[in-house]
């Protein structure tokens, strides 16, 4: 879990994840959104891959990145639970309400 939080600690990496929410992108397409060198972007991609937040696939000379949303969701739920928040409380309350209001 510490790898996930290390990855999320950097604003550039958070922006990369935000971009990938809209769908897979090549490394070049992502890099166009930043004013940093290729080696710097490569280092950011490596941290995101190491944290298992993105999947990468080589397509010819390009690398395609895709967000692994399930890993991010799991990390956020663990973080919330560590501070005593129950991320599923709203879902359970809604289900109980719906069950009460359901026609018999």
N, C-alpha and C. Protein backbone atom coordinates (compact mmCIF):
# COMPACT_ATOMS: atom_id res chain seq x y z
N UNK A 1 0.82 -1.19 0.00
CA UNK A 1 0.00 0.00 0.00
C UNK A 1 0.86 1.26 0.00
N UNK A 2 2.04 1.18 0.60
CA UNK A 2 2.90 2.36 0.64
C UNK A 2 3.34 2.78 -0.77
N UNK A 3 3.47 1.81 -1.68
CA UNK A 3 3.82 2.15 -3.06
C UNK A 3 2.72 2.97 -3.72
N UNK A 4 1.47 2.65 -3.41
CA UNK A 4 0.34 3.39 -3.97
C UNK A 4 0.37 4.82 -3.46
N UNK A 5 0.58 5.00 -2.15
CA UNK A 5 0.58 6.35 -1.60
C UNK A 5 1.80 7.14 -2.07
N UNK A 6 2.93 6.47 -2.28
CA UNK A 6 4.10 7.14 -2.84
C UNK A 6 3.76 7.66 -4.24
N UNK A 7 3.09 6.81 -5.02
CA UNK A 7 2.73 7.21 -6.38
C UNK A 7 1.75 8.36 -6.38
N UNK A 8 0.79 8.34 -5.46
CA UNK A 8 -0.23 9.39 -5.40
C UNK A 8 0.28 10.69 -4.80
N UNK A 9 1.42 10.64 -4.13
CA UNK A 9 1.95 11.83 -3.47
C UNK A 9 2.42 12.90 -4.45
N UNK A 10 2.73 12.51 -5.66
CA UNK A 10 3.27 13.46 -6.64
C UNK A 10 2.16 14.01 -7.53
N UNK A 11 2.08 15.35 -7.67
CA UNK A 11 1.01 15.93 -8.50
C UNK A 11 1.08 15.54 -9.97
N UNK A 12 2.27 15.33 -10.49
CA UNK A 12 2.39 14.91 -11.89
C UNK A 12 1.76 13.53 -12.08
N UNK A 13 2.05 12.62 -11.16
CA UNK A 13 1.48 11.28 -11.29
C UNK A 13 -0.04 11.29 -11.09
N UNK A 14 -0.52 12.14 -10.20
CA UNK A 14 -1.98 12.25 -10.04
C UNK A 14 -2.62 12.77 -11.32
N UNK A 15 -1.95 13.70 -12.00
CA UNK A 15 -2.46 14.24 -13.26
C UNK A 15 -2.45 13.15 -14.34
N UNK A 16 -1.42 12.31 -14.35
CA UNK A 16 -1.38 11.20 -15.31
C UNK A 16 -2.58 10.29 -15.08
N UNK A 17 -2.86 9.95 -13.83
CA UNK A 17 -4.01 9.09 -13.52
C UNK A 17 -5.31 9.76 -13.93
N UNK A 18 -5.39 11.06 -13.72
CA UNK A 18 -6.59 11.81 -14.14
C UNK A 18 -6.78 11.73 -15.65
N UNK A 19 -5.71 11.88 -16.39
CA UNK A 19 -5.78 11.79 -17.86
C UNK A 19 -6.24 10.40 -18.29
N UNK A 20 -5.74 9.37 -17.61
CA UNK A 20 -6.06 7.99 -17.98
C UNK A 20 -7.48 7.60 -17.60
N UNK A 21 -8.13 8.39 -16.76
CA UNK A 21 -9.55 8.12 -16.44
C UNK A 21 -10.41 8.16 -17.70
N UNK A 22 -9.98 8.90 -18.69
CA UNK A 22 -10.75 9.06 -19.93
C UNK A 22 -10.47 7.95 -20.94
N UNK A 23 -9.51 7.09 -20.62
CA UNK A 23 -9.20 5.97 -21.50
C UNK A 23 -7.71 5.82 -21.71
N UNK A 24 -7.29 4.72 -22.32
CA UNK A 24 -5.87 4.46 -22.56
C UNK A 24 -5.23 5.55 -23.42
N UNK A 25 -3.96 5.81 -23.14
CA UNK A 25 -3.19 6.80 -23.89
C UNK A 25 -1.77 6.30 -24.04
N UNK A 26 -1.12 6.74 -25.11
CA UNK A 26 0.29 6.40 -25.28
C UNK A 26 1.13 7.30 -24.38
N UNK A 27 2.36 6.88 -24.14
CA UNK A 27 3.27 7.68 -23.33
C UNK A 27 3.46 9.06 -23.94
N UNK A 28 3.54 9.13 -25.24
CA UNK A 28 3.71 10.41 -25.93
C UNK A 28 2.52 11.33 -25.75
N UNK A 29 1.32 10.76 -25.84
CA UNK A 29 0.11 11.57 -25.64
C UNK A 29 0.04 12.13 -24.23
N UNK A 30 0.42 11.31 -23.26
CA UNK A 30 0.42 11.77 -21.87
C UNK A 30 1.48 12.85 -21.68
N UNK A 31 2.67 12.59 -22.20
CA UNK A 31 3.80 13.52 -22.02
C UNK A 31 3.52 14.91 -22.59
N UNK A 32 2.65 15.00 -23.60
CA UNK A 32 2.31 16.31 -24.19
C UNK A 32 1.67 17.26 -23.17
N UNK A 33 1.13 16.72 -22.09
CA UNK A 33 0.46 17.52 -21.08
C UNK A 33 1.41 18.07 -20.02
N UNK A 34 2.71 17.75 -20.15
CA UNK A 34 3.68 18.13 -19.13
C UNK A 34 4.91 18.77 -19.79
N UNK A 35 5.52 19.67 -19.05
CA UNK A 35 6.73 20.33 -19.53
C UNK A 35 7.94 19.75 -18.79
N UNK A 36 8.16 18.45 -19.01
CA UNK A 36 9.28 17.76 -18.39
C UNK A 36 9.97 16.88 -19.44
N UNK A 37 11.17 16.43 -19.10
CA UNK A 37 11.94 15.60 -20.05
C UNK A 37 11.36 14.19 -20.14
N UNK A 38 11.74 13.49 -21.22
CA UNK A 38 11.30 12.10 -21.39
C UNK A 38 11.78 11.20 -20.25
N UNK A 39 13.04 11.34 -19.80
CA UNK A 39 13.47 10.51 -18.67
C UNK A 39 12.65 10.77 -17.39
N UNK A 40 12.26 12.01 -17.17
CA UNK A 40 11.44 12.33 -16.00
C UNK A 40 10.08 11.65 -16.11
N UNK A 41 9.46 11.72 -17.29
CA UNK A 41 8.16 11.07 -17.49
C UNK A 41 8.31 9.55 -17.34
N UNK A 42 9.38 9.00 -17.87
CA UNK A 42 9.62 7.56 -17.74
C UNK A 42 9.70 7.16 -16.27
N UNK A 43 10.33 7.99 -15.46
CA UNK A 43 10.43 7.70 -14.03
C UNK A 43 9.05 7.73 -13.38
N UNK A 44 8.21 8.68 -13.77
CA UNK A 44 6.84 8.74 -13.24
C UNK A 44 6.05 7.49 -13.65
N UNK A 45 6.18 7.08 -14.90
CA UNK A 45 5.49 5.88 -15.38
C UNK A 45 5.96 4.65 -14.60
N UNK A 46 7.25 4.58 -14.31
CA UNK A 46 7.80 3.44 -13.57
C UNK A 46 7.20 3.36 -12.16
N UNK A 47 7.06 4.50 -11.51
CA UNK A 47 6.47 4.53 -10.16
C UNK A 47 5.01 4.08 -10.22
N UNK A 48 4.28 4.54 -11.22
CA UNK A 48 2.87 4.16 -11.36
C UNK A 48 2.72 2.67 -11.66
N UNK A 49 3.62 2.13 -12.50
CA UNK A 49 3.59 0.69 -12.79
C UNK A 49 3.95 -0.12 -11.54
N UNK A 50 4.97 0.32 -10.81
CA UNK A 50 5.41 -0.38 -9.61
C UNK A 50 4.29 -0.43 -8.56
N UNK A 51 3.49 0.63 -8.49
CA UNK A 51 2.36 0.68 -7.55
C UNK A 51 1.16 -0.09 -8.11
N UNK A 52 1.26 -0.58 -9.32
CA UNK A 52 0.21 -1.34 -9.99
C UNK A 52 -1.03 -0.49 -10.27
N UNK A 53 -0.84 0.82 -10.42
CA UNK A 53 -1.95 1.73 -10.73
C UNK A 53 -2.22 1.83 -12.22
N UNK A 54 -1.22 1.48 -13.03
CA UNK A 54 -1.40 1.50 -14.48
C UNK A 54 -0.85 0.21 -15.07
N UNK A 55 -1.43 -0.15 -16.19
CA UNK A 55 -0.92 -1.27 -16.99
C UNK A 55 -0.29 -0.67 -18.23
N UNK A 56 0.78 -1.25 -18.68
CA UNK A 56 1.43 -0.76 -19.89
C UNK A 56 1.56 -1.90 -20.89
N UNK A 57 1.41 -1.53 -22.17
CA UNK A 57 1.49 -2.52 -23.24
C UNK A 57 2.26 -1.90 -24.39
N UNK A 58 3.28 -2.58 -24.82
CA UNK A 58 4.09 -2.11 -25.94
C UNK A 58 3.33 -2.37 -27.24
N UNK A 59 3.17 -1.33 -28.04
CA UNK A 59 2.52 -1.45 -29.35
C UNK A 59 3.47 -0.84 -30.38
N UNK A 60 4.26 -1.70 -30.99
CA UNK A 60 5.27 -1.22 -31.92
C UNK A 60 6.32 -0.42 -31.16
N UNK A 61 6.50 0.84 -31.54
CA UNK A 61 7.47 1.70 -30.86
C UNK A 61 6.84 2.49 -29.72
N UNK A 62 5.54 2.36 -29.55
CA UNK A 62 4.84 3.12 -28.52
C UNK A 62 4.47 2.24 -27.34
N UNK A 63 4.27 2.90 -26.19
CA UNK A 63 3.78 2.21 -25.00
C UNK A 63 2.42 2.80 -24.67
N UNK A 64 1.45 1.93 -24.55
CA UNK A 64 0.08 2.34 -24.23
C UNK A 64 -0.15 2.11 -22.74
N UNK A 65 -0.65 3.15 -22.07
CA UNK A 65 -0.93 3.06 -20.63
C UNK A 65 -2.43 3.06 -20.40
N UNK A 66 -2.83 2.29 -19.38
CA UNK A 66 -4.24 2.19 -19.02
C UNK A 66 -4.35 2.19 -17.50
N UNK A 67 -5.34 2.91 -16.98
CA UNK A 67 -5.57 2.99 -15.55
C UNK A 67 -6.12 1.68 -15.02
N UNK A 68 -5.59 1.23 -13.89
CA UNK A 68 -6.11 0.04 -13.21
C UNK A 68 -6.96 0.54 -12.04
N UNK A 69 -8.20 0.86 -12.34
CA UNK A 69 -9.08 1.52 -11.38
C UNK A 69 -9.30 0.68 -10.13
N UNK A 70 -9.37 -0.64 -10.25
CA UNK A 70 -9.65 -1.48 -9.09
C UNK A 70 -8.57 -1.33 -8.02
N UNK A 71 -7.32 -1.18 -8.41
CA UNK A 71 -6.22 -1.02 -7.46
C UNK A 71 -6.36 0.32 -6.75
N UNK A 72 -6.69 1.35 -7.50
CA UNK A 72 -6.86 2.68 -6.91
C UNK A 72 -8.04 2.69 -5.94
N UNK A 73 -9.14 2.09 -6.34
CA UNK A 73 -10.32 2.02 -5.46
C UNK A 73 -10.00 1.28 -4.17
N UNK A 74 -9.30 0.17 -4.28
CA UNK A 74 -8.94 -0.62 -3.10
C UNK A 74 -8.06 0.20 -2.16
N UNK A 75 -7.10 0.92 -2.70
CA UNK A 75 -6.21 1.74 -1.87
C UNK A 75 -6.98 2.82 -1.15
N UNK A 76 -7.90 3.46 -1.85
CA UNK A 76 -8.69 4.52 -1.21
C UNK A 76 -9.61 3.97 -0.13
N UNK A 77 -10.16 2.79 -0.35
CA UNK A 77 -11.01 2.17 0.67
C UNK A 77 -10.21 1.80 1.90
N UNK A 78 -9.01 1.27 1.71
CA UNK A 78 -8.15 0.94 2.85
C UNK A 78 -7.75 2.20 3.61
N UNK A 79 -7.47 3.25 2.88
CA UNK A 79 -7.11 4.53 3.51
C UNK A 79 -8.27 5.03 4.35
N UNK A 80 -9.48 5.00 3.81
CA UNK A 80 -10.66 5.46 4.54
C UNK A 80 -10.89 4.59 5.78
N UNK A 81 -10.73 3.31 5.64
CA UNK A 81 -10.93 2.39 6.77
C UNK A 81 -9.91 2.64 7.87
N UNK A 82 -8.69 2.98 7.49
CA UNK A 82 -7.63 3.24 8.48
C UNK A 82 -7.98 4.42 9.38
N UNK A 83 -8.81 5.32 8.89
CA UNK A 83 -9.21 6.49 9.67
C UNK A 83 -10.62 6.34 10.24
N UNK A 84 -11.15 5.12 10.22
CA UNK A 84 -12.43 4.86 10.84
C UNK A 84 -13.64 5.16 9.98
N UNK A 85 -13.42 5.49 8.72
CA UNK A 85 -14.55 5.72 7.81
C UNK A 85 -14.94 4.41 7.16
N UNK A 86 -16.22 4.19 7.04
CA UNK A 86 -16.71 2.99 6.38
C UNK A 86 -17.21 3.40 5.00
N UNK A 87 -16.40 3.18 3.95
CA UNK A 87 -16.79 3.63 2.62
C UNK A 87 -18.06 2.96 2.08
N UNK A 88 -18.48 1.86 2.68
CA UNK A 88 -19.67 1.16 2.21
C UNK A 88 -20.91 1.50 3.03
N UNK A 89 -20.78 2.35 4.04
CA UNK A 89 -21.91 2.66 4.91
C UNK A 89 -23.07 3.26 4.12
N UNK A 90 -22.80 4.15 3.20
CA UNK A 90 -23.85 4.77 2.40
C UNK A 90 -24.58 3.76 1.54
N UNK A 91 -23.87 2.81 0.99
CA UNK A 91 -24.49 1.77 0.16
C UNK A 91 -25.42 0.90 1.00
N UNK A 92 -24.96 0.52 2.19
CA UNK A 92 -25.78 -0.33 3.06
C UNK A 92 -27.02 0.42 3.52
N UNK A 93 -26.88 1.70 3.88
CA UNK A 93 -28.02 2.50 4.32
C UNK A 93 -29.05 2.62 3.19
N UNK A 94 -28.58 2.84 1.98
CA UNK A 94 -29.46 2.95 0.82
C UNK A 94 -30.19 1.65 0.56
N UNK A 95 -29.50 0.53 0.72
CA UNK A 95 -30.13 -0.77 0.51
C UNK A 95 -31.19 -1.04 1.57
N UNK A 96 -30.91 -0.64 2.82
CA UNK A 96 -31.91 -0.83 3.88
C UNK A 96 -33.14 0.03 3.62
N UNK A 97 -32.91 1.28 3.18
CA UNK A 97 -34.02 2.18 2.86
C UNK A 97 -34.87 1.62 1.72
N UNK A 98 -34.21 1.13 0.70
CA UNK A 98 -34.92 0.59 -0.47
C UNK A 98 -35.73 -0.64 -0.05
N UNK A 99 -35.18 -1.45 0.82
CA UNK A 99 -35.87 -2.65 1.27
C UNK A 99 -37.12 -2.27 2.07
N UNK A 100 -37.00 -1.23 2.93
CA UNK A 100 -38.13 -0.76 3.73
C UNK A 100 -39.25 -0.20 2.85
N UNK A 101 -38.84 0.51 1.79
CA UNK A 101 -39.80 1.19 0.94
C UNK A 101 -40.36 0.31 -0.18
N UNK A 102 -39.82 -0.88 -0.34
CA UNK A 102 -40.26 -1.75 -1.43
C UNK A 102 -41.72 -2.18 -1.20
N UNK A 103 -42.51 -2.19 -2.26
CA UNK A 103 -43.91 -2.61 -2.12
C UNK A 103 -43.98 -4.09 -1.74
N UNK A 104 -44.92 -4.39 -0.90
CA UNK A 104 -45.07 -5.77 -0.40
C UNK A 104 -46.14 -6.50 -1.16
